[in-house]
Amino acid sequence: MSTASRLRVLLTNDDGPPGHNSPYIYGLYRHLTKELGWDVKVVIPSSQKSWIGKAYHITETIYGRYYYPRDSEDGAGEVSETSRPLKDGETAEWVLLDGTPATCANIGLHNLYPGEIDLVISGPNLGRNSSSAFALSSGTIGAALSSSLSKIRSIAISYGTVVHPTPTDWFEPAHVIGGRIIRHLWNNWGIDEGGIRNNEVDLYNVNIPMISGLLEDPGLPIAWTRIWRNSYGRLFKREEGVKPASSPAGPDSLDSNPQGMLDTALLEGANIASELTFKFAPAMEGLIRPDAANVPVGSDGWAILKGWISVTPLRASFAEPRQALENAATGPADIDKSIWKVKL
């Protein structure tokens, strides 16, 4: 940590720059810098990159631009190909990269701000990242995993959507409690004998449900949780009557014309539709609104169903540290031990 004791933070996400798909990042940035006084650098994908996990596009060149958010509720700003001085009303210079969230975290740590970061915060994600089905797919958690594998403390934070659309007056209370949780975790980082950094917990996954209780006193309960090991079924649906828009090998093919591939021009000239055309269209009902009887007590999914904030310690090895198992409830009789007793 810096000698001036000002926490140095790298903020990233998987929703991209401020906008319809990324309504929360500027508000949290403003809270971390103005209310907590932290030094926050921002490196985020140039576009929405959800459901991409901890992926790196290893055959692609990563290009970047600069983003200059204005001091407004949404942080809308201007993009520039080159770095420039701030204009009136602009608050910072952010970096946009044409890469995955994990790529942004790694480039931020090792190329843009080497040796300058104490903590990586990934989020706030638009939507929950609770349970195995979401956590193992999440670009938000993927970025935190990436930075924890560089032995940097990392926290993924997500705001679970419950009401559509989410009232904007719930945003700031979520930022306030999210900032307090992050500060508490930083100051009281858990110990895990299997941790890759000083025998610490590798990373934390925080889920805040966006509900009216955020406006009430004393606010939402906060609980230590473990991951709900659920599952999903169909994630894609067949598209009928659609011709391939590009080669069957896809845009990331290492060989633009692999042996045996049908000629694209031939396909375009023929009056046929591919029988193997699919589009991402997951069946989410059982994941978003599960039967409460099937959700284990003490899990992150259980906490969200109760309208509680979930904090899950994780290892960067598809395993939970002992702290998570010791703190999380395993049944109704010991729920109380999982609820935070600290005053934030």
Protein backbone atom coordinates (compact mmCIF):
# COMPACT_ATOMS: atom_id res chain seq x y z
CA MET A 1 0.00 0.00 0.00
CA SER A 2 1.21 3.54 -0.69
CA THR A 3 3.26 5.31 1.94
CA ALA A 4 0.64 8.05 2.07
CA SER A 5 -1.89 5.40 3.28
CA ARG A 6 -4.27 6.32 0.48
CA LEU A 7 -5.68 3.10 -0.86
CA ARG A 8 -4.81 2.60 -4.52
CA VAL A 9 -7.61 0.86 -6.37
CA LEU A 10 -8.05 -0.55 -9.86
CA LEU A 11 -11.75 -0.51 -10.81
CA THR A 12 -12.95 -2.68 -13.69
CA ASN A 13 -16.19 -4.35 -14.78
CA ASP A 14 -17.79 -6.48 -17.48
CA ASP A 15 -20.57 -4.06 -18.45
CA GLY A 16 -18.34 -1.51 -20.15
CA PRO A 17 -18.46 2.30 -20.01
CA PRO A 18 -21.38 4.19 -18.41
CA GLY A 19 -24.66 3.76 -20.21
CA HIS A 20 -27.82 1.67 -20.35
CA ASN A 21 -25.91 -1.60 -19.83
CA SER A 22 -23.57 -0.11 -17.24
CA PRO A 23 -25.55 2.19 -14.92
CA TYR A 24 -23.55 1.70 -11.71
CA ILE A 25 -19.82 2.08 -12.32
CA TYR A 26 -19.62 5.87 -12.25
CA GLY A 27 -21.64 6.13 -9.05
CA LEU A 28 -19.37 3.68 -7.24
CA TYR A 29 -16.28 5.39 -8.67
CA ARG A 30 -17.53 8.73 -7.37
CA HIS A 31 -18.23 7.24 -3.95
CA LEU A 32 -14.82 5.55 -3.70
CA THR A 33 -12.97 8.73 -4.68
CA LYS A 34 -15.04 11.45 -3.00
CA GLU A 35 -16.46 9.75 0.10
CA LEU A 36 -13.66 7.30 0.89
CA GLY A 37 -10.84 9.37 -0.58
CA TRP A 38 -9.24 6.47 -2.44
CA ASP A 39 -7.02 6.79 -5.51
CA VAL A 40 -9.00 4.92 -8.17
CA LYS A 41 -7.79 4.00 -11.65
CA VAL A 42 -10.40 2.67 -14.09
CA VAL A 43 -9.69 0.13 -16.85
CA ILE A 44 -12.82 -1.39 -18.38
CA PRO A 45 -13.95 -3.15 -21.55
CA SER A 46 -14.93 -0.83 -24.38
CA SER A 47 -18.24 -2.69 -24.73
CA GLN A 48 -20.46 -5.10 -22.82
CA LYS A 49 -18.62 -8.34 -21.98
CA SER A 50 -20.94 -10.34 -19.72
CA TRP A 51 -20.95 -14.14 -19.43
CA ILE A 52 -17.36 -14.40 -20.57
CA GLY A 53 -15.84 -15.67 -17.32
CA LYS A 54 -12.05 -15.35 -16.92
CA ALA A 55 -11.37 -15.55 -20.66
CA TYR A 56 -8.45 -13.98 -22.53
CA HIS A 57 -8.53 -13.55 -26.31
CA ILE A 58 -4.98 -14.72 -26.91
CA THR A 59 -4.93 -14.41 -30.71
CA GLU A 60 -6.21 -10.84 -30.83
CA THR A 61 -4.39 -7.54 -30.45
CA ILE A 62 -5.88 -5.42 -27.67
CA TYR A 63 -6.52 -1.81 -28.68
CA GLY A 64 -7.42 0.93 -26.24
CA ARG A 65 -8.87 4.41 -26.02
CA TYR A 66 -9.41 6.99 -23.31
CA TYR A 67 -12.74 7.87 -21.73
CA TYR A 68 -13.49 11.13 -19.92
CA PRO A 69 -16.60 10.89 -17.69
CA ARG A 70 -18.38 14.11 -16.77
CA ASP A 71 -19.50 14.75 -13.21
CA SER A 72 -23.11 13.71 -13.73
CA GLU A 73 -25.39 11.01 -12.39
CA ASP A 74 -24.57 8.60 -15.19
CA GLY A 75 -20.96 9.56 -15.90
CA ALA A 76 -21.53 9.98 -19.62
CA GLY A 77 -18.40 11.20 -21.33
CA GLU A 78 -16.21 11.55 -24.39
CA VAL A 79 -13.93 8.99 -26.00
CA SER A 80 -10.50 9.98 -27.33
CA GLU A 81 -7.91 8.00 -29.27
CA THR A 82 -5.12 9.83 -27.41
CA SER A 83 -4.62 11.04 -23.87
CA ARG A 84 -5.48 14.71 -23.36
CA PRO A 85 -6.03 17.22 -20.53
CA LEU A 86 -9.42 17.17 -18.80
CA LYS A 87 -12.06 19.55 -20.09
CA ASP A 88 -14.42 21.55 -17.86
CA GLY A 89 -16.81 19.22 -16.07
CA GLU A 90 -14.73 16.08 -16.66
CA THR A 91 -13.57 14.23 -13.56
CA ALA A 92 -11.00 11.66 -14.67
CA GLU A 93 -9.28 9.83 -17.48
CA TRP A 94 -10.35 6.21 -17.76
CA VAL A 95 -9.02 3.52 -20.09
CA LEU A 96 -11.23 1.48 -22.44
CA LEU A 97 -9.77 -1.74 -23.84
CA ASP A 98 -11.15 -3.95 -26.60
CA GLY A 99 -10.71 -6.97 -24.37
CA THR A 100 -12.32 -9.13 -21.74
CA PRO A 101 -12.71 -8.08 -18.09
CA ALA A 102 -9.87 -10.42 -17.07
CA THR A 103 -7.72 -8.83 -19.79
CA CYS A 104 -8.51 -5.35 -18.45
CA ALA A 105 -7.53 -6.38 -14.93
CA ASN A 106 -4.25 -7.93 -16.02
CA ILE A 107 -3.23 -5.08 -18.32
CA GLY A 108 -4.17 -2.57 -15.65
CA LEU A 109 -2.02 -4.31 -13.05
CA HIS A 110 1.01 -5.18 -15.16
CA ASN A 111 1.14 -2.71 -18.05
CA LEU A 112 -0.65 0.50 -17.13
CA TYR A 113 -0.11 0.76 -13.36
CA PRO A 114 2.56 -1.80 -12.42
CA GLY A 115 3.27 -1.87 -8.69
CA GLU A 116 0.71 0.89 -8.07
CA ILE A 117 -2.42 -1.08 -7.10
CA ASP A 118 -3.39 -2.35 -3.64
CA LEU A 119 -6.91 -3.61 -4.36
CA VAL A 120 -8.90 -4.57 -7.46
CA ILE A 121 -12.66 -3.99 -7.43
CA SER A 122 -14.69 -5.54 -10.25
CA GLY A 123 -18.18 -4.16 -10.78
CA PRO A 124 -20.75 -3.19 -9.81
CA ASN A 125 -22.35 -5.69 -12.13
CA LEU A 126 -25.83 -5.05 -13.49
CA GLY A 127 -27.49 -8.15 -12.01
CA ARG A 128 -26.59 -10.79 -9.45
CA ASN A 129 -23.57 -13.06 -9.57
CA SER A 130 -24.71 -15.53 -6.95
CA SER A 131 -24.64 -19.33 -7.27
CA SER A 132 -22.38 -21.53 -9.37
CA ALA A 133 -24.43 -21.00 -12.53
CA PHE A 134 -23.75 -17.27 -12.54
CA ALA A 135 -20.40 -17.15 -10.73
CA LEU A 136 -18.65 -19.55 -13.11
CA SER A 137 -19.93 -17.56 -16.11
CA SER A 138 -19.40 -14.06 -14.72
CA GLY A 139 -16.98 -11.65 -16.35
CA THR A 140 -17.18 -9.59 -13.16
CA ILE A 141 -15.89 -12.44 -11.03
CA GLY A 142 -13.53 -13.42 -13.85
CA ALA A 143 -11.73 -10.08 -13.57
CA ALA A 144 -11.40 -10.50 -9.79
CA LEU A 145 -10.08 -14.03 -10.28
CA SER A 146 -7.56 -12.72 -12.80
CA SER A 147 -6.18 -10.11 -10.42
CA SER A 148 -6.17 -12.44 -7.43
CA LEU A 149 -3.98 -14.79 -9.48
CA SER A 150 -1.56 -11.85 -9.67
CA LYS A 151 -1.57 -11.89 -5.85
CA ILE A 152 -3.60 -8.71 -5.53
CA ARG A 153 -6.54 -8.52 -3.14
CA SER A 154 -9.71 -8.56 -5.21
CA ILE A 155 -13.44 -8.03 -4.67
CA ALA A 156 -16.26 -8.67 -7.14
CA ILE A 157 -19.44 -6.72 -6.41
CA SER A 158 -22.84 -7.14 -8.07
CA TYR A 159 -26.20 -5.41 -7.70
CA GLY A 160 -28.97 -7.96 -8.10
CA THR A 161 -31.92 -6.74 -10.15
CA VAL A 162 -35.26 -7.46 -8.50
CA VAL A 163 -37.51 -4.63 -9.72
CA HIS A 164 -37.63 -3.70 -13.42
CA PRO A 165 -36.61 -0.98 -13.91
CA THR A 166 -34.61 -0.43 -10.73
CA PRO A 167 -35.51 2.96 -9.18
CA THR A 168 -32.56 5.33 -9.49
CA ASP A 169 -32.89 6.49 -5.88
CA TRP A 170 -31.72 3.02 -4.83
CA PHE A 171 -28.38 3.47 -6.61
CA GLU A 172 -26.65 5.71 -4.07
CA PRO A 173 -27.62 3.63 -1.00
CA ALA A 174 -26.18 0.58 -2.80
CA HIS A 175 -22.94 2.48 -3.44
CA VAL A 176 -22.77 3.57 0.20
CA ILE A 177 -23.23 0.10 1.68
CA GLY A 178 -21.07 -1.44 -1.05
CA GLY A 179 -18.27 0.98 -0.23
CA ARG A 180 -18.56 0.22 3.48
CA ILE A 181 -18.42 -3.52 2.86
CA ILE A 182 -15.37 -3.13 0.62
CA ARG A 183 -13.63 -0.95 3.20
CA HIS A 184 -14.44 -3.44 5.96
CA LEU A 185 -13.13 -6.36 3.92
CA TRP A 186 -9.93 -4.47 3.13
CA ASN A 187 -9.35 -3.66 6.81
CA ASN A 188 -10.27 -7.16 8.02
CA TRP A 189 -9.10 -9.41 5.19
CA GLY A 190 -9.67 -13.07 6.01
CA ILE A 191 -7.01 -15.67 6.51
CA ASP A 192 -6.99 -18.87 4.47
CA GLU A 193 -4.14 -21.34 4.86
CA GLY A 194 -4.49 -22.23 1.20
CA GLY A 195 -4.45 -18.64 -0.03
CA ILE A 196 -1.97 -17.74 -2.76
CA ARG A 197 -1.15 -14.36 -1.21
CA ASN A 198 0.21 -14.40 2.35
CA ASN A 199 -2.21 -17.20 3.27
CA GLU A 200 -5.15 -14.84 2.78
CA VAL A 201 -8.57 -15.31 1.22
CA ASP A 202 -7.95 -14.83 -2.49
CA LEU A 203 -11.06 -12.81 -3.31
CA TYR A 204 -14.56 -11.96 -2.14
CA ASN A 205 -17.83 -12.04 -4.05
CA VAL A 206 -20.41 -9.49 -2.84
CA ASN A 207 -24.05 -9.47 -3.96
CA ILE A 208 -26.38 -6.60 -3.01
CA PRO A 209 -30.07 -7.05 -3.89
CA MET A 210 -31.55 -3.86 -5.29
CA ILE A 211 -34.67 -3.62 -3.12
CA SER A 212 -36.45 -0.88 -1.16
CA GLY A 213 -34.84 -2.07 2.08
CA LEU A 214 -31.71 -0.20 0.99
CA LEU A 215 -33.56 3.01 1.92
CA GLU A 216 -34.63 1.81 5.35
CA ASP A 217 -32.90 1.96 8.72
CA PRO A 218 -30.83 -0.04 9.64
CA GLY A 219 -30.63 -1.28 6.04
CA LEU A 220 -30.18 -4.78 4.67
CA PRO A 221 -28.67 -7.59 6.80
CA ILE A 222 -25.25 -8.78 5.62
CA ALA A 223 -24.34 -12.46 5.82
CA TRP A 224 -21.30 -14.61 5.21
CA THR A 225 -22.32 -17.18 2.62
CA ARG A 226 -21.07 -20.04 0.52
CA ILE A 227 -21.85 -20.62 -3.14
CA TRP A 228 -25.11 -22.31 -3.97
CA ARG A 229 -24.11 -25.21 -6.22
CA ASN A 230 -26.96 -25.08 -8.68
CA SER A 231 -27.05 -25.88 -12.38
CA TYR A 232 -28.51 -24.70 -15.65
CA GLY A 233 -29.97 -26.34 -18.70
CA ARG A 234 -30.49 -24.93 -22.17
CA LEU A 235 -28.54 -21.73 -22.85
CA PHE A 236 -29.02 -21.46 -26.64
CA LYS A 237 -31.93 -21.74 -29.04
CA ARG A 238 -31.99 -22.75 -32.68
CA GLU A 239 -32.39 -19.95 -35.19
CA GLU A 240 -34.46 -20.92 -38.20
CA GLY A 241 -33.92 -19.66 -41.73
CA VAL A 242 -30.68 -17.77 -41.05
CA LYS A 243 -27.71 -17.90 -43.38
CA PRO A 244 -24.19 -17.82 -41.86
CA ALA A 245 -22.95 -14.25 -41.70
CA SER A 246 -19.31 -15.36 -41.82
CA SER A 247 -17.25 -18.49 -42.24
CA PRO A 248 -18.43 -21.55 -40.28
CA ALA A 249 -15.11 -21.48 -38.41
CA GLY A 250 -16.05 -18.19 -36.80
CA PRO A 251 -14.14 -14.91 -36.54
CA ASP A 252 -11.61 -16.31 -34.03
CA SER A 253 -10.46 -19.16 -36.24
CA LEU A 254 -6.68 -19.58 -36.26
CA ASP A 255 -6.93 -20.54 -39.93
CA SER A 256 -9.15 -18.42 -42.16
CA ASN A 257 -9.70 -21.35 -44.51
CA PRO A 258 -9.31 -24.65 -42.64
CA GLN A 259 -9.30 -27.83 -44.70
CA GLY A 260 -12.75 -29.08 -45.48
CA MET A 261 -14.55 -25.80 -44.71
CA LEU A 262 -17.34 -24.85 -47.10
CA ASP A 263 -16.59 -21.84 -49.26
CA THR A 264 -18.38 -18.78 -47.83
CA ALA A 265 -19.22 -17.40 -51.27
CA LEU A 266 -20.82 -20.72 -52.21
CA LEU A 267 -22.95 -20.62 -49.09
CA GLU A 268 -24.02 -17.04 -49.72
CA GLY A 269 -24.94 -17.83 -53.31
CA ALA A 270 -27.06 -20.82 -52.43
CA ASN A 271 -30.68 -20.44 -51.40
CA ILE A 272 -30.25 -22.43 -48.20
CA ALA A 273 -30.35 -21.83 -44.49
CA SER A 274 -27.90 -23.39 -42.06
CA GLU A 275 -29.38 -26.16 -39.96
CA LEU A 276 -26.78 -25.44 -37.30
CA THR A 277 -27.52 -21.86 -36.29
CA PHE A 278 -27.96 -21.03 -32.63
CA LYS A 279 -28.33 -17.89 -30.52
CA PHE A 280 -27.71 -17.31 -26.81
CA ALA A 281 -31.15 -17.38 -25.17
CA PRO A 282 -30.83 -18.98 -21.73
CA ALA A 283 -33.78 -20.45 -19.85
CA MET A 284 -33.33 -18.52 -16.60
CA GLU A 285 -36.59 -18.87 -14.71
CA GLY A 286 -35.32 -21.51 -12.29
CA LEU A 287 -32.15 -19.50 -11.61
CA ILE A 288 -33.73 -16.09 -11.13
CA ARG A 289 -36.80 -17.27 -9.20
CA PRO A 290 -35.89 -20.66 -7.70
CA ASP A 291 -38.10 -22.63 -5.35
CA ALA A 292 -36.93 -21.46 -1.90
CA ALA A 293 -37.22 -25.01 -0.59
CA ASN A 294 -34.45 -26.07 -2.98
CA VAL A 295 -31.97 -23.33 -2.06
CA PRO A 296 -29.56 -24.37 0.74
CA VAL A 297 -29.61 -22.29 3.90
CA GLY A 298 -26.42 -20.26 4.20
CA SER A 299 -25.80 -20.05 0.45
CA ASP A 300 -25.53 -16.85 -1.58
CA GLY A 301 -28.73 -17.69 -3.43
CA TRP A 302 -30.54 -18.14 -0.11
CA ALA A 303 -29.34 -14.73 1.11
CA ILE A 304 -30.56 -13.00 -2.06
CA LEU A 305 -33.98 -14.68 -1.72
CA LYS A 306 -34.22 -13.29 1.82
CA GLY A 307 -33.29 -9.80 0.65
CA TRP A 308 -29.93 -9.98 2.41
CA ILE A 309 -26.49 -8.92 1.20
CA SER A 310 -24.26 -11.90 0.51
CA VAL A 311 -20.48 -11.91 1.09
CA THR A 312 -18.69 -15.06 -0.09
CA PRO A 313 -14.95 -15.65 0.47
CA LEU A 314 -13.40 -17.56 -2.45
CA ARG A 315 -10.22 -19.26 -3.55
CA ALA A 316 -8.93 -18.75 -7.08
CA SER A 317 -9.07 -22.50 -7.57
CA PHE A 318 -12.77 -23.34 -7.87
CA ALA A 319 -12.90 -23.96 -4.13
CA GLU A 320 -14.04 -22.06 -1.06
CA PRO A 321 -11.68 -21.25 1.81
CA ARG A 322 -12.28 -22.71 5.23
CA GLN A 323 -13.55 -19.34 6.48
CA ALA A 324 -16.57 -19.59 4.18
CA LEU A 325 -17.48 -23.02 5.50
CA GLU A 326 -16.97 -21.98 9.14
CA ASN A 327 -18.96 -18.74 8.92
CA ALA A 328 -21.87 -19.75 6.70
CA ALA A 329 -25.00 -21.24 8.20
CA THR A 330 -25.74 -24.86 7.42
CA GLY A 331 -29.29 -24.89 8.77
CA PRO A 332 -31.96 -22.77 10.48
CA ALA A 333 -30.47 -23.35 13.94
CA ASP A 334 -27.21 -21.51 13.20
CA ILE A 335 -28.34 -18.75 10.82
CA ASP A 336 -27.43 -16.13 13.41
CA LYS A 337 -23.73 -16.98 13.30
CA SER A 338 -23.52 -16.04 9.63
CA ILE A 339 -24.97 -12.54 10.02
CA TRP A 340 -22.43 -9.72 10.29
CA LYS A 341 -22.21 -8.21 13.77
CA VAL A 342 -19.96 -5.35 12.70
CA LYS A 343 -21.20 -1.79 12.45
CA LEU A 344 -20.35 -0.33 9.05
